[in-house]
Protein backbone atom coordinates (compact mmCIF):
# COMPACT_ATOMS: atom_id res chain seq x y z
CA MET A 1 24.50 6.76 -21.63
CA LYS A 2 25.80 5.57 -18.32
CA VAL A 3 23.44 4.20 -15.71
CA TYR A 4 24.14 2.98 -12.22
CA ILE A 5 21.19 1.86 -10.13
CA GLY A 6 22.13 0.33 -6.81
CA PRO A 7 20.12 -2.24 -4.88
CA TYR A 8 17.15 -1.26 -2.79
CA ARG A 9 18.23 -0.26 0.68
CA THR A 10 17.01 -2.29 3.60
CA ASN A 11 14.66 0.13 5.25
CA HIS A 12 13.71 -1.83 8.34
CA ILE A 13 15.29 -4.37 10.67
CA SER A 14 12.70 -6.44 12.45
CA ALA A 15 13.14 -8.30 15.71
CA TYR A 16 9.90 -10.09 14.90
CA THR A 17 11.64 -12.17 12.24
CA LEU A 18 13.61 -13.77 15.07
CA PHE A 19 10.39 -14.52 16.93
CA ASP A 20 8.82 -15.90 13.75
CA LYS A 21 11.81 -18.20 13.20
CA TYR A 22 11.71 -19.28 16.84
CA VAL A 23 8.00 -20.17 16.63
CA SER A 24 8.42 -21.95 13.28
CA TRP A 25 11.36 -23.94 14.68
CA LYS A 26 9.56 -24.88 17.91
CA TYR A 27 6.18 -25.80 16.42
CA LYS A 28 7.50 -27.20 13.10
CA GLU A 29 5.11 -25.12 11.02
CA PRO A 30 5.04 -21.54 9.73
CA TYR A 31 4.48 -19.04 12.54
CA TRP A 32 1.26 -17.69 10.99
CA GLN A 33 -0.32 -21.15 11.31
CA VAL A 34 0.43 -21.44 15.04
CA ASP A 35 -2.53 -20.57 17.23
CA PRO A 36 -1.42 -17.90 19.76
CA ASP A 37 -3.62 -19.56 22.40
CA ASN A 38 -1.42 -22.69 22.21
CA MET A 39 1.80 -20.79 22.93
CA THR A 40 3.52 -21.32 26.26
CA LYS A 41 4.50 -18.66 28.80
CA VAL A 42 8.08 -18.91 27.57
CA ASP A 43 6.87 -18.15 24.03
CA LYS A 44 5.04 -15.07 25.28
CA VAL A 45 8.12 -13.89 27.20
CA VAL A 46 10.23 -14.28 24.03
CA GLU A 47 7.60 -12.27 22.13
CA ARG A 48 7.70 -9.46 24.76
CA ILE A 49 11.50 -9.38 24.58
CA CYS A 50 11.24 -9.03 20.80
CA ASP A 51 8.76 -6.17 21.32
CA HIS A 52 11.32 -4.31 23.45
CA ILE A 53 14.15 -5.02 21.01
CA GLN A 54 11.96 -3.73 18.17
CA THR A 55 11.29 -0.49 20.05
CA VAL A 56 15.03 0.06 20.47
CA LEU A 57 15.67 -0.77 16.80
CA ASP A 58 12.94 1.63 15.63
CA TYR A 59 14.42 4.55 17.61
CA THR A 60 18.01 3.86 16.56
CA ILE A 61 19.12 1.80 13.57
CA ASN A 62 15.78 1.79 11.71
CA LYS A 63 15.56 5.56 11.99
CA LEU A 64 19.01 5.90 10.38
CA ILE A 65 18.34 3.28 7.71
CA GLY A 66 15.02 4.89 6.82
CA ASP A 67 16.88 8.02 5.72
CA LEU A 68 19.04 6.14 3.19
CA GLU A 69 17.95 6.20 -0.42
CA ARG A 70 18.73 3.87 -3.31
CA LYS A 71 21.78 5.11 -5.24
CA VAL A 72 20.86 6.17 -8.77
CA LYS A 73 23.19 7.86 -11.23
CA VAL A 74 22.11 8.45 -14.82
CA ARG A 75 24.04 10.30 -17.51
CA ILE A 76 22.33 10.78 -20.86
CA ASP A 77 24.39 11.63 -23.95
CA ASN A 78 22.99 13.40 -27.03
CA TYR A 79 23.10 10.25 -29.15
CA ASP A 80 20.93 8.41 -26.61
CA THR A 81 17.91 10.44 -27.70
CA TRP A 82 18.55 10.34 -31.45
CA SER A 83 16.54 7.12 -31.53
CA MET A 84 15.24 7.02 -28.01
CA ASP A 85 12.77 4.22 -28.70
CA HIS A 86 15.67 2.01 -29.78
CA THR A 87 17.87 3.06 -26.83
CA LEU A 88 15.12 2.25 -24.33
CA ALA A 89 14.31 -1.06 -26.07
CA ILE A 90 17.95 -2.14 -25.54
CA ILE A 91 17.35 -1.73 -21.79
CA ILE A 92 13.72 -2.84 -21.54
CA HIS A 93 14.02 -6.06 -23.56
CA PRO A 94 16.45 -7.93 -21.25
CA MET A 95 14.54 -6.72 -18.19
CA LEU A 96 11.30 -8.15 -19.60
CA VAL A 97 13.06 -11.43 -20.44
CA GLN A 98 14.37 -11.72 -16.87
CA LEU A 99 10.98 -10.84 -15.35
CA ARG A 100 9.20 -13.35 -17.57
CA ASP A 101 11.69 -16.13 -16.84
CA THR A 102 12.15 -15.63 -13.08
CA ASN A 103 8.85 -14.24 -11.84
CA HIS A 104 7.35 -15.33 -8.52
CA GLY A 105 3.83 -14.26 -9.34
CA TYR A 106 1.84 -12.60 -12.06
CA PHE A 107 -0.55 -9.77 -12.74
CA THR A 108 -3.97 -10.58 -14.15
CA PRO A 109 -4.40 -9.31 -17.70
CA ASP A 110 -7.90 -8.38 -18.80
CA PRO A 111 -9.55 -11.10 -20.92
CA GLU A 112 -10.18 -8.57 -23.72
CA ASP A 113 -6.40 -8.15 -24.11
CA VAL A 114 -6.05 -11.86 -24.87
CA PRO A 115 -9.37 -12.74 -26.53
CA HIS A 116 -8.11 -15.96 -28.13
CA LEU A 117 -7.79 -17.54 -24.64
CA GLY A 118 -11.25 -16.63 -23.38
CA LYS A 119 -12.21 -15.64 -19.86
CA GLY A 120 -11.83 -18.88 -17.88
CA GLU A 121 -13.76 -19.92 -14.80
CA GLU A 122 -13.61 -17.72 -11.70
CA THR A 123 -11.55 -19.05 -8.83
CA ASP A 124 -10.21 -17.65 -5.58
CA HIS A 125 -13.40 -15.77 -4.66
CA GLY A 126 -13.69 -14.06 -8.04
CA HIS A 127 -10.28 -12.37 -7.86
CA SER A 128 -8.80 -14.37 -10.69
CA ASP A 129 -9.74 -17.07 -13.13
CA SER A 130 -8.38 -20.36 -14.38
CA LEU A 131 -6.73 -18.76 -17.45
CA ALA A 132 -5.17 -15.73 -15.73
CA GLN A 133 -1.66 -17.18 -15.72
CA ASP A 134 -1.96 -18.25 -19.36
CA ARG A 135 -2.99 -14.69 -20.27
CA TYR A 136 -0.07 -13.31 -18.23
CA ASN A 137 2.37 -15.60 -20.05
CA TRP A 138 0.96 -14.55 -23.43
CA VAL A 139 1.18 -10.83 -22.57
CA MET A 140 4.76 -11.20 -21.30
CA ASP A 141 5.73 -13.07 -24.47
CA GLU A 142 4.20 -10.27 -26.55
CA LEU A 143 6.10 -7.62 -24.58
CA VAL A 144 9.38 -9.50 -25.03
CA TRP A 145 8.70 -9.94 -28.77
CA THR A 146 7.79 -6.26 -29.17
CA PHE A 147 10.91 -4.87 -27.54
CA GLU A 148 13.13 -7.45 -29.21
CA ASN A 149 11.83 -6.27 -32.60
CA ILE A 150 12.25 -2.60 -31.71
CA LYS A 151 15.75 -3.32 -30.39
CA ASN A 152 16.70 -5.25 -33.53
CA ASP A 153 15.31 -2.47 -35.71
CA CYS A 154 13.06 -4.65 -37.88
CA ASP A 155 14.68 -6.04 -41.01
CA TYR A 156 12.46 -4.84 -43.85
CA ASP A 157 13.96 -7.48 -46.14
CA LEU A 158 11.55 -9.84 -44.38
CA PHE A 159 8.72 -8.16 -46.26
CA TYR A 160 10.30 -8.02 -49.70
CA THR A 161 10.91 -10.72 -52.29
CA GLU A 162 12.18 -10.42 -55.87
CA GLU A 163 9.14 -12.26 -57.23
CA LYS A 164 6.35 -10.46 -55.40
CA GLY A 165 7.95 -7.22 -54.26
CA TRP A 166 6.70 -5.71 -51.01
CA ASN A 167 4.35 -7.78 -48.88
CA ARG A 168 2.48 -4.80 -47.48
CA GLU A 169 0.01 -6.95 -45.52
CA ALA A 170 2.79 -8.77 -43.64
CA MET A 171 4.56 -5.47 -42.89
CA ASP A 172 1.32 -3.88 -41.66
CA ALA A 173 0.56 -6.92 -39.47
CA HIS A 174 4.08 -6.72 -38.01
CA HIS A 175 3.65 -3.04 -37.17
CA GLU A 176 0.18 -3.65 -35.67
CA ARG A 177 1.64 -6.35 -33.43
CA ILE A 178 4.33 -3.94 -32.24
CA LYS A 179 1.69 -1.26 -31.70
CA ASN A 180 -0.42 -3.67 -29.62
CA GLY A 181 2.67 -4.74 -27.63
CA LEU A 182 3.40 -1.10 -26.80
CA ARG A 183 -0.24 -0.62 -25.77
CA LEU A 184 0.01 -3.63 -23.44
CA PHE A 185 3.31 -2.32 -22.06
CA GLY A 186 1.66 1.00 -21.20
CA LYS A 187 -1.41 -0.66 -19.74
CA TYR A 188 0.49 -3.08 -17.48
CA TYR A 189 3.58 -0.93 -16.84
CA ARG A 190 2.83 -0.51 -13.11
CA ALA A 191 2.41 -4.30 -12.75
CA LEU A 192 5.91 -5.09 -14.07
CA TRP A 193 7.58 -6.13 -10.86
CA ASP A 194 8.50 -9.36 -9.14
């Protein structure tokens, strides 16, 4: 397998970012907190100039940039699909680790997916609850564990001892945990972004 996935292309240049920086610099607070009624005539002139610049950008550079796509090249060899679950786990595991360790937000897992934590009290107008981030962290840890175990191709010696033989219960519990991790991966797949 050989995969090259380039960075996302910038699909829009905005003159308004200049205006936003100007307002934030002048009023010493983020532009969205500045009341437009308190802006001076000079501020409004700068905003109109940015409007005109944006119109020019939209009809020229932004039109060209909008046609560019992210570069993606993928070559799959026969051996990549011999054990496709393992091949994909080699890729998915480090991506999940990076997402878990560097995220700037989180999705809100359903309480029934993490019943040992409970529901938590509603906050933020009912859109989330006090345990939502704890549930997210638990789900991400489960996803990382699941793909790490698939990638490492579970060592069955963990479930066998000379004295007792096979520990079928431990092996079944291990497989159920992987099965649940894969279910969670499918359920929250579209939420795996930063």
